[in-house]
């Protein structure tokens, strides 16, 4: 019962913003942590779906930046967006934003 309560609280306290300039992640229960990755620094966007995530129709998006910082608990991703409905659609949108950003830069 306590484990379920903690899990629900963790997911209720995650917020993500995807803009035309960056991806921002805010998470935390008592305090909070905000991560921001500019689109031009993103090197890879990976989808991770466990059996249960796939069954319930959501997944995680793992974002690696050119900075190369590693987080060993998240398959080397610098930013982890958890419990995303239709992660394939979000991954495609992120790639489109990156492509547009690079076109504007050139």
C-alpha atoms as a PDB file:
ATOM      1  CA  UNK A   1       0.000   0.000   0.000  1.00  0.00           C
ATOM      2  CA  UNK A   2       2.806   2.427   0.909  1.00  0.00           C
ATOM      3  CA  UNK A   3       4.715   1.550  -2.287  1.00  0.00           C
ATOM      4  CA  UNK A   4       1.663   2.362  -4.427  1.00  0.00           C
ATOM      5  CA  UNK A   5       1.180   5.681  -2.638  1.00  0.00           C
ATOM      6  CA  UNK A   6       4.834   6.651  -3.201  1.00  0.00           C
ATOM      7  CA  UNK A   7       4.665   5.651  -6.890  1.00  0.00           C
ATOM      8  CA  UNK A   8       1.516   7.711  -7.493  1.00  0.00           C
ATOM      9  CA  UNK A   9       3.034  10.718  -5.710  1.00  0.00           C
ATOM     10  CA  UNK A  10       6.222  10.461  -7.798  1.00  0.00           C
ATOM     11  CA  UNK A  11       4.302  10.487 -11.086  1.00  0.00           C
ATOM     12  CA  UNK A  12       1.891  13.196  -9.927  1.00  0.00           C
ATOM     13  CA  UNK A  13       4.870  15.451  -9.253  1.00  0.00           C
ATOM     14  CA  UNK A  14       6.489  15.239 -12.700  1.00  0.00           C
ATOM     15  CA  UNK A  15       5.963  17.957 -15.270  1.00  0.00           C
ATOM     16  CA  UNK A  16       7.409  18.277 -18.768  1.00  0.00           C
ATOM     17  CA  UNK A  17       7.484  21.092 -21.294  1.00  0.00           C
ATOM     18  CA  UNK A  18       8.615  20.748 -24.892  1.00  0.00           C
ATOM     19  CA  UNK A  19       9.140  24.108 -26.562  1.00  0.00           C
ATOM     20  CA  UNK A  20      10.658  25.195 -29.859  1.00  0.00           C
ATOM     21  CA  UNK A  21      13.913  25.915 -27.976  1.00  0.00           C
ATOM     22  CA  UNK A  22      14.318  23.274 -25.263  1.00  0.00           C
ATOM     23  CA  UNK A  23      12.934  20.357 -23.271  1.00  0.00           C
ATOM     24  CA  UNK A  24      12.297  21.040 -19.592  1.00  0.00           C
ATOM     25  CA  UNK A  25      11.656  18.442 -16.905  1.00  0.00           C
ATOM     26  CA  UNK A  26      10.576  19.221 -13.331  1.00  0.00           C
ATOM     27  CA  UNK A  27      10.264  16.481 -10.721  1.00  0.00           C
ATOM     28  CA  UNK A  28      10.149  16.105  -6.970  1.00  0.00           C
ATOM     29  CA  UNK A  29       7.825  15.436  -4.051  1.00  0.00           C
ATOM     30  CA  UNK A  30       8.993  17.698  -1.235  1.00  0.00           C
ATOM     31  CA  UNK A  31      11.645  19.659  -3.086  1.00  0.00           C
ATOM     32  CA  UNK A  32      12.114  19.680  -6.819  1.00  0.00           C
ATOM     33  CA  UNK A  33      14.700  19.423  -9.584  1.00  0.00           C
ATOM     34  CA  UNK A  34      14.463  21.169 -12.949  1.00  0.00           C
ATOM     35  CA  UNK A  35      16.455  19.987 -15.980  1.00  0.00           C
ATOM     36  CA  UNK A  36      16.610  21.875 -19.245  1.00  0.00           C
ATOM     37  CA  UNK A  37      18.200  20.670 -22.471  1.00  0.00           C
ATOM     38  CA  UNK A  38      18.406  22.972 -25.511  1.00  0.00           C
ATOM     39  CA  UNK A  39      17.190  21.262 -28.703  1.00  0.00           C
ATOM     40  CA  UNK A  40      20.485  21.901 -30.495  1.00  0.00           C
ATOM     41  CA  UNK A  41      22.310  19.890 -27.790  1.00  0.00           C
ATOM     42  CA  UNK A  42      20.152  16.746 -28.092  1.00  0.00           C
ATOM     43  CA  UNK A  43      21.998  13.833 -29.675  1.00  0.00           C
ATOM     44  CA  UNK A  44      19.489  10.999 -29.169  1.00  0.00           C
ATOM     45  CA  UNK A  45      15.869  10.418 -28.153  1.00  0.00           C
ATOM     46  CA  UNK A  46      15.066   6.833 -27.139  1.00  0.00           C
ATOM     47  CA  UNK A  47      11.804   5.184 -26.127  1.00  0.00           C
ATOM     48  CA  UNK A  48      11.747   2.640 -23.325  1.00  0.00           C
ATOM     49  CA  UNK A  49       8.634   0.540 -22.667  1.00  0.00           C
ATOM     50  CA  UNK A  50       8.398  -2.270 -20.150  1.00  0.00           C
ATOM     51  CA  UNK A  51       5.689  -4.909 -20.478  1.00  0.00           C
ATOM     52  CA  UNK A  52       3.406  -3.072 -18.029  1.00  0.00           C
ATOM     53  CA  UNK A  53       4.039   0.306 -19.652  1.00  0.00           C
ATOM     54  CA  UNK A  54       3.123  -1.152 -23.027  1.00  0.00           C
ATOM     55  CA  UNK A  55       0.031  -2.857 -21.591  1.00  0.00           C
ATOM     56  CA  UNK A  56      -1.232   0.403 -20.072  1.00  0.00           C
ATOM     57  CA  UNK A  57      -0.337   2.486 -23.137  1.00  0.00           C
ATOM     58  CA  UNK A  58       2.528   4.638 -21.947  1.00  0.00           C
ATOM     59  CA  UNK A  59       6.309   4.617 -21.941  1.00  0.00           C
ATOM     60  CA  UNK A  60       9.420   6.592 -21.096  1.00  0.00           C
ATOM     61  CA  UNK A  61      11.462   8.899 -23.282  1.00  0.00           C
ATOM     62  CA  UNK A  62      15.205   9.029 -22.632  1.00  0.00           C
ATOM     63  CA  UNK A  63      17.090  12.058 -23.912  1.00  0.00           C
ATOM     64  CA  UNK A  64      20.854  12.135 -24.363  1.00  0.00           C
ATOM     65  CA  UNK A  65      22.586  15.423 -25.026  1.00  0.00           C
ATOM     66  CA  UNK A  66      25.875  16.277 -26.669  1.00  0.00           C
ATOM     67  CA  UNK A  67      27.242  17.132 -23.225  1.00  0.00           C
ATOM     68  CA  UNK A  68      27.655  13.404 -22.721  1.00  0.00           C
ATOM     69  CA  UNK A  69      26.696  13.331 -19.063  1.00  0.00           C
ATOM     70  CA  UNK A  70      25.708   9.838 -18.014  1.00  0.00           C
ATOM     71  CA  UNK A  71      23.062   8.648 -15.617  1.00  0.00           C
ATOM     72  CA  UNK A  72      23.627   4.939 -15.243  1.00  0.00           C
ATOM     73  CA  UNK A  73      20.124   4.253 -13.887  1.00  0.00           C
ATOM     74  CA  UNK A  74      18.451   5.524 -17.076  1.00  0.00           C
ATOM     75  CA  UNK A  75      20.375   3.793 -19.870  1.00  0.00           C
ATOM     76  CA  UNK A  76      22.830   6.692 -20.071  1.00  0.00           C
ATOM     77  CA  UNK A  77      20.169   9.367 -20.605  1.00  0.00           C
ATOM     78  CA  UNK A  78      20.624  12.852 -19.255  1.00  0.00           C
ATOM     79  CA  UNK A  79      16.875  13.500 -19.076  1.00  0.00           C
ATOM     80  CA  UNK A  80      14.160  10.929 -18.375  1.00  0.00           C
ATOM     81  CA  UNK A  81      10.517  11.695 -19.219  1.00  0.00           C
ATOM     82  CA  UNK A  82       8.442   8.997 -17.495  1.00  0.00           C
ATOM     83  CA  UNK A  83       4.825   7.871 -17.951  1.00  0.00           C
ATOM     84  CA  UNK A  84       4.345   9.458 -21.383  1.00  0.00           C
ATOM     85  CA  UNK A  85       1.184   8.436 -23.250  1.00  0.00           C
ATOM     86  CA  UNK A  86       1.968   7.626 -26.906  1.00  0.00           C
ATOM     87  CA  UNK A  87       5.758   8.129 -26.601  1.00  0.00           C
ATOM     88  CA  UNK A  88       6.288   7.465 -30.328  1.00  0.00           C
ATOM     89  CA  UNK A  89       4.269  10.591 -31.174  1.00  0.00           C
ATOM     90  CA  UNK A  90       6.282  12.704 -28.708  1.00  0.00           C
ATOM     91  CA  UNK A  91       9.594  11.294 -30.000  1.00  0.00           C
ATOM     92  CA  UNK A  92       8.578  12.191 -33.566  1.00  0.00           C
ATOM     93  CA  UNK A  93       7.619  15.729 -32.464  1.00  0.00           C
ATOM     94  CA  UNK A  94      10.972  16.205 -30.706  1.00  0.00           C
ATOM     95  CA  UNK A  95      12.848  15.088 -33.846  1.00  0.00           C
ATOM     96  CA  UNK A  96      10.770  17.527 -35.949  1.00  0.00           C
ATOM     97  CA  UNK A  97      11.591  20.393 -33.559  1.00  0.00           C
ATOM     98  CA  UNK A  98      15.299  19.506 -33.668  1.00  0.00           C
ATOM     99  CA  UNK A  99      15.231  19.437 -37.472  1.00  0.00           C
ATOM    100  CA  UNK A 100      13.484  22.841 -37.627  1.00  0.00           C
ATOM    101  CA  UNK A 101      15.953  24.311 -35.137  1.00  0.00           C
ATOM    102  CA  UNK A 102      18.934  23.079 -37.188  1.00  0.00           C
ATOM    103  CA  UNK A 103      17.406  24.456 -40.426  1.00  0.00           C
ATOM    104  CA  UNK A 104      17.003  27.893 -38.832  1.00  0.00           C
ATOM    105  CA  UNK A 105      20.570  27.789 -37.567  1.00  0.00           C
ATOM    106  CA  UNK A 106      21.988  27.057 -41.046  1.00  0.00           C
END
